[in-house]
């Protein structure tokens, strides 16, 4: 230990960097592993099975881990930490403004960023004069991460929210939108879509184009978590 302390002192005076800080390094590795496990479980085993969007899954994991490392290494400098978070905010505005990111994906992104920030700032500091530790303990960090996992699992398991799926349809036969022909409209939509429709809502009606916008609600496990079910127009490819 004395050899490491002496080497750290010499390197610090020479190049402004130390070789190894056992306390901070071990703490960083432990928190990094915890964060990686939690983020990967949420992204791979809770988000991905329903959406099957590999692009978003990798974005969640890589951005979360990047923020974790950034916050961990800049924890002691408030100005640098604020600048770093500002860069991520600018990146998010520039990147995600070019695509209509579904609310589900944005919710996962913010949650995983919150997980990473909590894990990055979850450290304890010893005050020798008062002889006490200030900060977070390992049990607290694990408990908070379990809360994040539990919330994601609970809502993804559809135990608290409706499991119905919805889809917007531009319909071309407005003669069937009258209230007395609602069953005929439902039968025609079921025949065209192949879905068992539980209920439907009629929105915008365009008599000039003989079309209207209809939202159908159905129960189809394969479509749960569909990232584009709320879209009302074709995206530019």
Protein backbone atom coordinates (compact mmCIF):
# COMPACT_ATOMS: atom_id res chain seq x y z
CA UNK A 1 0.00 0.00 0.00
CA UNK A 2 2.86 2.37 0.80
CA UNK A 3 4.40 1.61 -2.57
CA UNK A 4 1.11 2.51 -4.33
CA UNK A 5 0.75 5.70 -2.29
CA UNK A 6 4.29 6.75 -3.13
CA UNK A 7 3.79 5.92 -6.79
CA UNK A 8 0.52 7.85 -6.87
CA UNK A 9 2.28 10.82 -5.27
CA UNK A 10 5.12 10.79 -7.79
CA UNK A 11 2.81 10.38 -10.80
CA UNK A 12 0.49 13.06 -9.48
CA UNK A 13 3.31 15.55 -9.28
CA UNK A 14 4.68 14.51 -12.67
CA UNK A 15 1.61 14.20 -14.91
CA UNK A 16 -1.32 15.17 -12.70
CA UNK A 17 -2.71 11.61 -12.65
CA UNK A 18 -2.44 8.86 -10.08
CA UNK A 19 -1.97 5.19 -10.96
CA UNK A 20 -4.66 3.59 -8.83
CA UNK A 21 -7.16 4.67 -6.19
CA UNK A 22 -8.38 1.46 -4.51
CA UNK A 23 -11.40 2.94 -2.76
CA UNK A 24 -12.83 4.87 -5.69
CA UNK A 25 -11.90 2.26 -8.28
CA UNK A 26 -13.54 -0.66 -6.47
CA UNK A 27 -16.62 1.47 -5.76
CA UNK A 28 -16.85 2.45 -9.42
CA UNK A 29 -16.54 -1.15 -10.61
CA UNK A 30 -19.24 -2.40 -8.21
CA UNK A 31 -21.66 0.38 -9.15
CA UNK A 32 -20.86 -0.12 -12.84
CA UNK A 33 -21.71 -3.83 -12.64
CA UNK A 34 -24.95 -3.14 -10.76
CA UNK A 35 -25.96 -0.49 -13.27
CA UNK A 36 -25.09 -2.67 -16.26
CA UNK A 37 -27.14 -5.59 -14.91
CA UNK A 38 -30.20 -3.47 -14.11
CA UNK A 39 -30.13 -1.52 -17.39
CA UNK A 40 -29.60 -4.68 -19.45
CA UNK A 41 -32.43 -6.55 -17.72
CA UNK A 42 -34.86 -3.67 -18.24
CA UNK A 43 -33.87 -3.08 -21.87
CA UNK A 44 -33.47 -6.72 -22.95
CA UNK A 45 -36.00 -8.66 -20.90
CA UNK A 46 -38.73 -6.08 -20.18
CA UNK A 47 -38.68 -3.66 -23.11
CA UNK A 48 -37.47 -5.77 -26.06
CA UNK A 49 -39.88 -8.77 -25.88
CA UNK A 50 -42.84 -6.56 -26.79
CA UNK A 51 -41.32 -4.01 -29.13
CA UNK A 52 -38.58 -6.08 -30.84
CA UNK A 53 -36.72 -2.84 -31.56
CA UNK A 54 -33.01 -3.67 -31.39
CA UNK A 55 -32.09 -0.08 -32.27
CA UNK A 56 -33.85 1.38 -29.24
CA UNK A 57 -32.58 -1.40 -26.99
CA UNK A 58 -28.96 -0.64 -27.83
CA UNK A 59 -29.59 3.11 -27.51
CA UNK A 60 -30.99 2.57 -24.01
CA UNK A 61 -28.04 0.48 -22.86
CA UNK A 62 -25.25 2.54 -24.42
CA UNK A 63 -26.67 5.92 -23.45
CA UNK A 64 -27.37 4.77 -19.90
CA UNK A 65 -23.86 3.42 -19.41
CA UNK A 66 -22.34 6.52 -21.00
CA UNK A 67 -24.24 8.79 -18.62
CA UNK A 68 -23.25 6.59 -15.68
CA UNK A 69 -19.53 6.89 -16.49
CA UNK A 70 -19.83 10.59 -17.25
CA UNK A 71 -21.59 11.42 -13.99
CA UNK A 72 -19.28 9.13 -11.98
CA UNK A 73 -16.08 10.71 -13.28
CA UNK A 74 -17.36 14.29 -13.04
CA UNK A 75 -19.11 13.91 -9.72
CA UNK A 76 -16.84 16.29 -7.86
CA UNK A 77 -17.10 19.16 -10.33
CA UNK A 78 -20.57 20.67 -10.53
CA UNK A 79 -19.74 22.85 -13.53
CA UNK A 80 -18.31 19.98 -15.58
CA UNK A 81 -21.24 17.75 -14.60
CA UNK A 82 -23.74 20.39 -15.70
CA UNK A 83 -21.90 20.87 -18.99
CA UNK A 84 -21.82 17.12 -19.60
CA UNK A 85 -25.55 16.72 -18.97
CA UNK A 86 -26.13 19.71 -21.23
CA UNK A 87 -24.27 17.95 -24.04
CA UNK A 88 -26.50 14.91 -23.67
CA UNK A 89 -29.56 17.16 -23.72
CA UNK A 90 -28.37 18.80 -26.96
CA UNK A 91 -27.64 15.38 -28.44
CA UNK A 92 -31.13 14.20 -27.51
CA UNK A 93 -32.78 17.23 -29.09
CA UNK A 94 -30.73 16.91 -32.29
CA UNK A 95 -31.18 13.15 -32.62
CA UNK A 96 -34.71 12.47 -31.48
CA UNK A 97 -36.31 15.53 -33.10
CA UNK A 98 -35.74 13.91 -36.50
CA UNK A 99 -37.97 10.96 -35.64
CA UNK A 100 -41.28 10.66 -33.85
CA UNK A 101 -40.10 8.67 -30.84
CA UNK A 102 -43.04 6.84 -29.22
CA UNK A 103 -43.90 7.80 -25.66
CA UNK A 104 -43.10 4.28 -24.45
CA UNK A 105 -39.53 4.51 -25.76
CA UNK A 106 -39.05 7.99 -24.33
CA UNK A 107 -40.31 6.80 -20.94
CA UNK A 108 -37.83 3.92 -20.94
CA UNK A 109 -35.02 6.27 -21.96
CA UNK A 110 -35.68 8.70 -19.12
CA UNK A 111 -36.09 5.89 -16.61
CA UNK A 112 -32.78 4.28 -17.58
CA UNK A 113 -31.05 7.65 -17.46
CA UNK A 114 -32.45 8.09 -13.94
CA UNK A 115 -31.15 4.63 -12.97
CA UNK A 116 -27.69 5.49 -14.25
CA UNK A 117 -27.56 8.86 -12.49
CA UNK A 118 -28.67 7.29 -9.19
CA UNK A 119 -26.03 4.58 -9.47
CA UNK A 120 -23.35 7.07 -10.47
CA UNK A 121 -24.04 9.37 -7.49
CA UNK A 122 -24.58 6.53 -5.04
CA UNK A 123 -21.39 6.93 -3.01
CA UNK A 124 -20.55 7.33 0.66
CA UNK A 125 -18.01 9.79 2.03
CA UNK A 126 -16.28 9.57 5.41
CA UNK A 127 -15.96 12.66 7.58
CA UNK A 128 -13.04 12.04 9.97
CA UNK A 129 -13.72 15.00 12.25
CA UNK A 130 -17.30 13.97 12.96
CA UNK A 131 -16.47 10.24 12.59
CA UNK A 132 -19.42 9.27 10.40
CA UNK A 133 -20.22 8.23 6.82
CA UNK A 134 -22.40 10.43 4.64
CA UNK A 135 -24.08 9.20 1.46
CA UNK A 136 -25.58 5.99 0.15
CA UNK A 137 -24.84 2.47 1.27
CA UNK A 138 -24.63 -0.57 -0.98
CA UNK A 139 -27.93 -1.91 0.38
CA UNK A 140 -29.66 1.38 -0.47
CA UNK A 141 -28.32 1.35 -4.02
CA UNK A 142 -29.45 -2.24 -4.58
CA UNK A 143 -32.88 -1.46 -3.07
CA UNK A 144 -33.38 1.54 -5.38
CA UNK A 145 -32.40 -0.53 -8.41
CA UNK A 146 -34.84 -3.26 -7.39
CA UNK A 147 -37.57 -0.61 -7.21
CA UNK A 148 -36.82 0.44 -10.79
CA UNK A 149 -36.88 -3.19 -11.92
CA UNK A 150 -40.10 -3.85 -10.04
CA UNK A 151 -41.88 -0.84 -11.54
CA UNK A 152 -40.86 -1.75 -15.08
CA UNK A 153 -41.88 -5.38 -14.62
CA UNK A 154 -45.20 -4.48 -12.98
CA UNK A 155 -46.36 -2.21 -15.76
CA UNK A 156 -45.01 -4.39 -18.56
CA UNK A 157 -46.83 -7.40 -17.11
CA UNK A 158 -50.12 -5.57 -17.76
CA UNK A 159 -51.34 -6.20 -14.23
CA UNK A 160 -52.17 -2.56 -13.62
CA UNK A 161 -52.87 -1.29 -17.11
CA UNK A 162 -55.13 -2.40 -19.91
CA UNK A 163 -53.73 -5.01 -22.25
CA UNK A 164 -55.77 -3.75 -25.22
CA UNK A 165 -53.98 -2.59 -28.34
CA UNK A 166 -55.14 0.26 -30.54
CA UNK A 167 -54.62 1.22 -34.15
CA UNK A 168 -55.57 4.22 -36.28
CA UNK A 169 -57.18 3.43 -39.62
CA UNK A 170 -58.04 5.73 -42.52
CA UNK A 171 -61.40 4.37 -43.60
CA UNK A 172 -62.88 4.88 -47.04
CA UNK A 173 -66.56 3.98 -46.58
CA UNK A 174 -68.12 6.79 -44.56
CA UNK A 175 -71.59 5.51 -45.33
CA UNK A 176 -71.09 3.07 -42.45
CA UNK A 177 -70.12 5.61 -39.80
CA UNK A 178 -73.71 6.41 -38.87
CA UNK A 179 -74.65 5.25 -35.33
CA UNK A 180 -77.29 2.81 -36.62
CA UNK A 181 -74.71 1.08 -38.82
CA UNK A 182 -72.04 0.67 -36.18
CA UNK A 183 -72.24 -3.14 -36.23
CA UNK A 184 -71.82 -3.19 -40.01
CA UNK A 185 -68.81 -0.89 -39.68
CA UNK A 186 -67.29 -3.14 -37.04
CA UNK A 187 -67.87 -6.26 -39.17
CA UNK A 188 -66.28 -4.61 -42.22
CA UNK A 189 -63.21 -3.54 -40.24
CA UNK A 190 -62.82 -7.00 -38.72
CA UNK A 191 -63.03 -8.56 -42.19
CA UNK A 192 -60.39 -6.21 -43.59
CA UNK A 193 -57.97 -6.27 -40.67
CA UNK A 194 -58.50 -9.84 -39.46
CA UNK A 195 -58.72 -8.54 -35.88
CA UNK A 196 -61.39 -9.08 -33.26
CA UNK A 197 -62.39 -5.50 -32.51
CA UNK A 198 -63.66 -4.80 -29.01
CA UNK A 199 -64.62 -1.18 -29.59
CA UNK A 200 -63.92 1.67 -31.98
CA UNK A 201 -63.92 5.45 -32.09
CA UNK A 202 -64.68 7.64 -35.10
CA UNK A 203 -62.61 10.79 -35.46
CA UNK A 204 -62.02 13.20 -38.32
CA UNK A 205 -64.48 12.88 -41.23
CA UNK A 206 -63.56 14.23 -44.69
CA UNK A 207 -66.61 14.27 -46.96
CA UNK A 208 -64.61 15.72 -49.85
CA UNK A 209 -62.34 12.66 -49.94
CA UNK A 210 -65.02 10.25 -48.72
CA UNK A 211 -62.76 9.14 -45.83
CA UNK A 212 -62.56 9.26 -42.06
CA UNK A 213 -60.16 8.41 -39.27
CA UNK A 214 -61.10 5.50 -37.02
CA UNK A 215 -59.35 4.17 -33.97
CA UNK A 216 -59.93 0.51 -33.21
CA UNK A 217 -59.23 -1.30 -29.93
CA UNK A 218 -58.44 -5.01 -29.90
CA UNK A 219 -56.63 -7.62 -27.84
CA UNK A 220 -53.67 -9.12 -29.66
CA UNK A 221 -50.63 -10.19 -27.58
CA UNK A 222 -48.34 -10.04 -30.62
CA UNK A 223 -49.06 -6.32 -31.07
CA UNK A 224 -48.56 -5.25 -27.47
CA UNK A 225 -45.81 -2.69 -27.23
CA UNK A 226 -46.04 -1.91 -30.94
CA UNK A 227 -43.95 1.23 -31.44
CA UNK A 228 -45.93 2.59 -34.41
CA UNK A 229 -49.50 1.79 -33.43
CA UNK A 230 -50.24 5.47 -32.68
CA UNK A 231 -48.98 6.78 -36.03
CA UNK A 232 -51.58 8.39 -38.30
CA UNK A 233 -49.47 8.95 -41.44
CA UNK A 234 -46.84 7.05 -43.35
CA UNK A 235 -43.27 8.00 -42.36
CA UNK A 236 -40.70 9.11 -44.91
CA UNK A 237 -38.23 6.31 -45.59
